[in-house]
Protein backbone atom coordinates (compact mmCIF):
# COMPACT_ATOMS: atom_id res chain seq x y z
CA LYS A 1 19.31 -65.01 -47.84
CA LEU A 2 21.70 -64.22 -50.62
CA ASN A 3 24.79 -63.92 -48.46
CA GLN A 4 24.66 -67.16 -46.49
CA GLY A 5 28.06 -68.75 -46.38
CA ALA A 6 29.80 -65.58 -47.52
CA ILE A 7 33.28 -64.98 -46.19
CA LYS A 8 33.86 -61.48 -44.87
CA SER A 9 37.00 -59.86 -46.16
CA PRO A 10 39.24 -58.44 -43.41
CA THR A 11 39.89 -55.37 -45.57
CA ALA A 12 36.30 -54.67 -46.67
CA ALA A 13 35.75 -51.86 -44.17
CA ALA A 14 39.19 -50.40 -44.87
CA ILE A 15 38.41 -50.25 -48.59
CA TRP A 16 34.79 -49.11 -48.62
CA ARG A 17 35.10 -46.56 -45.78
CA SER A 18 38.25 -44.96 -47.14
CA TRP A 19 38.24 -41.55 -48.77
CA ALA A 20 39.59 -42.91 -52.05
CA PRO A 21 37.55 -42.33 -55.22
CA LEU A 22 35.20 -45.14 -56.23
CA LYS A 23 37.38 -46.32 -59.13
CA CYS A 24 40.27 -46.81 -56.69
CA LYS A 25 38.05 -48.62 -54.18
CA ILE A 26 36.86 -50.99 -56.90
CA PHE A 27 40.45 -51.58 -57.96
CA ALA A 28 41.44 -52.34 -54.33
CA TRP A 29 38.50 -54.71 -53.92
CA LEU A 30 39.43 -56.58 -57.10
CA ALA A 31 43.09 -56.68 -56.01
CA MET A 32 42.12 -58.22 -52.67
CA GLN A 33 40.12 -60.88 -54.51
CA HIS A 34 43.02 -61.52 -56.97
CA ARG A 35 40.67 -60.64 -59.84
CA LEU A 36 42.93 -58.29 -61.79
CA TRP A 37 44.28 -59.51 -65.11
CA THR A 38 47.88 -60.11 -64.19
CA SER A 39 49.82 -62.72 -66.16
CA ASP A 40 49.35 -65.39 -63.48
CA ARG A 41 45.57 -65.03 -63.80
CA ARG A 42 45.69 -65.01 -67.60
CA ALA A 43 47.78 -68.21 -67.54
CA ARG A 44 45.39 -69.83 -65.04
CA TYR A 45 42.50 -69.21 -67.45
CA GLY A 46 44.44 -70.39 -70.50
CA LEU A 47 44.75 -66.93 -72.04
CA GLN A 48 48.54 -67.18 -72.24
CA GLY A 49 50.99 -70.06 -72.10
CA ASN A 50 53.32 -69.08 -69.27
CA THR A 51 53.31 -66.34 -66.69
CA SER A 52 55.31 -63.24 -67.47
CA PRO A 53 57.92 -61.71 -65.22
CA CYS A 54 57.10 -58.44 -63.48
CA TYR A 55 57.13 -55.70 -66.09
CA ILE A 56 58.90 -53.32 -63.69
CA CYS A 57 61.73 -55.39 -62.17
CA LEU A 58 61.76 -58.44 -64.49
CA GLN A 59 62.69 -60.57 -61.46
CA GLU A 60 59.54 -62.27 -60.19
CA GLU A 61 56.19 -63.41 -61.53
CA ASP A 62 53.64 -60.75 -62.55
CA THR A 63 51.10 -61.12 -59.71
CA ILE A 64 49.10 -58.48 -57.90
CA GLU A 65 50.96 -59.21 -54.66
CA HIS A 66 54.28 -58.68 -56.38
CA ILE A 67 53.19 -55.55 -58.24
CA VAL A 68 51.88 -53.65 -55.21
CA VAL A 69 53.95 -54.90 -52.26
CA GLN A 70 56.73 -57.37 -53.05
CA CYS A 71 58.51 -55.75 -56.01
CA VAL A 72 61.64 -53.84 -55.05
CA TYR A 73 60.28 -50.84 -56.98
CA ALA A 74 56.98 -50.94 -55.06
CA ARG A 75 58.78 -51.16 -51.73
CA GLN A 76 60.90 -48.13 -52.65
CA VAL A 77 57.72 -46.23 -53.55
CA TRP A 78 56.07 -47.16 -50.22
CA HIS A 79 59.18 -46.15 -48.28
CA THR A 80 59.44 -42.81 -50.09
CA CYS A 81 55.74 -42.01 -49.56
CA PHE A 82 55.86 -42.81 -45.85
CA ASP A 83 59.13 -40.93 -45.45
CA SER A 84 57.69 -37.85 -47.22
CA LEU A 85 54.58 -37.92 -45.03
CA GLN A 86 56.70 -38.65 -41.94
CA ILE A 87 54.54 -41.67 -41.17
CA ASN A 88 56.24 -44.23 -38.96
CA VAL A 89 55.18 -47.37 -40.87
CA LEU A 90 57.43 -50.14 -42.07
CA PRO A 91 57.05 -50.61 -45.82
CA PRO A 92 56.10 -54.10 -46.96
CA ASN A 93 58.82 -56.71 -47.33
CA ASP A 94 59.36 -59.07 -50.23
CA THR A 95 57.25 -61.86 -48.68
CA ASP A 96 54.28 -59.82 -47.42
CA THR A 97 50.89 -60.05 -49.01
CA LEU A 98 48.94 -56.84 -49.40
CA VAL A 99 46.33 -57.96 -46.87
CA GLU A 100 48.88 -59.02 -44.23
CA TRP A 101 50.96 -55.89 -44.55
CA TRP A 102 47.98 -53.51 -44.73
CA LEU A 103 46.27 -54.92 -41.64
CA ARG A 104 49.55 -54.99 -39.69
CA ALA A 105 50.42 -51.41 -40.68
CA ARG A 106 46.96 -49.95 -40.00
CA SER A 107 46.83 -51.55 -36.54
CA GLY A 108 49.41 -48.96 -35.43
CA PHE A 109 47.03 -46.05 -36.10
CA GLN A 110 44.38 -44.61 -33.83
CA GLU A 111 40.84 -45.13 -35.10
CA LYS A 112 40.55 -41.49 -36.26
CA HIS A 113 43.58 -41.92 -38.56
CA LYS A 114 42.82 -45.31 -40.10
CA ARG A 115 40.65 -43.91 -42.91
CA GLY A 116 43.43 -41.55 -43.94
CA PHE A 117 46.00 -44.32 -43.94
CA ASP A 118 43.65 -46.63 -45.85
CA SER A 119 43.12 -43.93 -48.46
CA ILE A 120 46.86 -43.56 -48.96
CA VAL A 121 47.34 -47.33 -49.25
CA ILE A 122 44.59 -47.58 -51.86
CA GLY A 123 45.92 -44.55 -53.77
CA ALA A 124 49.47 -45.88 -53.79
CA ALA A 125 48.38 -49.37 -54.87
CA TRP A 126 46.26 -47.80 -57.65
CA MET A 127 49.22 -45.74 -58.89
CA LEU A 128 51.56 -48.76 -58.74
CA TRP A 129 49.05 -50.67 -60.88
CA LYS A 130 48.88 -47.79 -63.36
CA GLN A 131 52.69 -47.68 -63.47
CA ARG A 132 52.79 -51.40 -64.25
CA ASN A 133 50.24 -50.84 -67.02
CA ALA A 134 52.34 -48.03 -68.48
CA LYS A 135 55.12 -50.61 -68.91
CA VAL A 136 52.81 -53.38 -70.16
CA PHE A 137 51.16 -51.17 -72.78
CA ASN A 138 54.41 -49.46 -73.81
CA ARG A 139 53.65 -45.91 -72.70
CA PRO A 140 57.20 -44.65 -72.01
CA GLU A 141 56.01 -41.07 -71.42
CA GLN A 142 54.07 -42.33 -68.35
CA VAL A 143 56.89 -44.40 -66.82
CA LYS A 144 58.32 -42.89 -63.64
CA ASP A 145 61.17 -43.78 -61.32
CA TYR A 146 60.22 -44.59 -57.73
CA SER A 147 60.68 -41.04 -56.40
CA GLU A 148 58.63 -39.54 -59.24
CA LEU A 149 55.84 -42.05 -58.62
CA ALA A 150 55.88 -41.35 -54.87
CA ARG A 151 55.53 -37.63 -55.63
CA ALA A 152 52.70 -38.38 -58.07
CA ILE A 153 50.92 -40.42 -55.38
CA LEU A 154 51.17 -37.57 -52.89
CA ASP A 155 49.97 -35.12 -55.56
CA GLU A 156 47.01 -37.42 -56.29
CA ILE A 157 46.09 -37.53 -52.59
CA GLN A 158 46.27 -33.72 -52.53
CA GLU A 159 43.95 -33.57 -55.55
CA TRP A 160 41.47 -35.83 -53.74
CA TYR A 161 41.52 -33.39 -50.85
CA ASN A 162 41.15 -30.38 -53.17
CA ALA A 163 38.11 -32.06 -54.72
CA GLY A 164 36.50 -32.24 -51.27
CA VAL A 165 37.15 -35.90 -50.56
CA GLY A 166 37.24 -36.84 -46.89
CA ALA A 167 35.43 -33.75 -45.59
CA GLY A 168 38.61 -32.47 -43.99
CA GLY A 169 39.60 -35.82 -42.49
CA LEU A 170 42.05 -36.59 -45.26
CA ASP A 171 43.55 -33.12 -44.88
CA ARG A 172 43.85 -33.62 -41.12
CA PHE A 173 45.57 -36.97 -41.62
CA VAL A 174 48.04 -35.61 -44.17
CA ARG A 175 48.64 -32.39 -42.19
CA GLU A 176 49.31 -34.34 -38.98
CA HIS A 177 51.71 -36.62 -40.82
CA THR A 178 53.71 -34.09 -42.82
């Protein structure tokens, strides 16, 4: 058996059953495994001398946990998204990990709404990562403030729905939470 001794990820079902596009699911899976090339990972593998500060806030280390949940910018984005969708979820705090916060937040949803929530979490994390990369790779035309990024996330989710993602379930989730 190839999977003997494998450890099951607590977020595997949330990622792979979501309505997010495959590229976003793969990103989320890699983020959960801490396999994205943040500066802490590059330093660990000897590809750079020291870790870099977060490219958005310049306050903490550039790690996946910081980029998507702990950074003050990320927490403002989460709050704005949930506020816009009128979803009663506490945004992550500055000590949460993505896994801890995600599992805690999704436990407050009925089973029929978990896929919609998971899709939004993956989409927002994906867009936060892209925003970080816009800073890293000096693309000033792509840099957004937190309210612009929250709007872009909601627009992206709407595009997923328009493309037929979620077979109406994503629409139902967003409609019931707007």
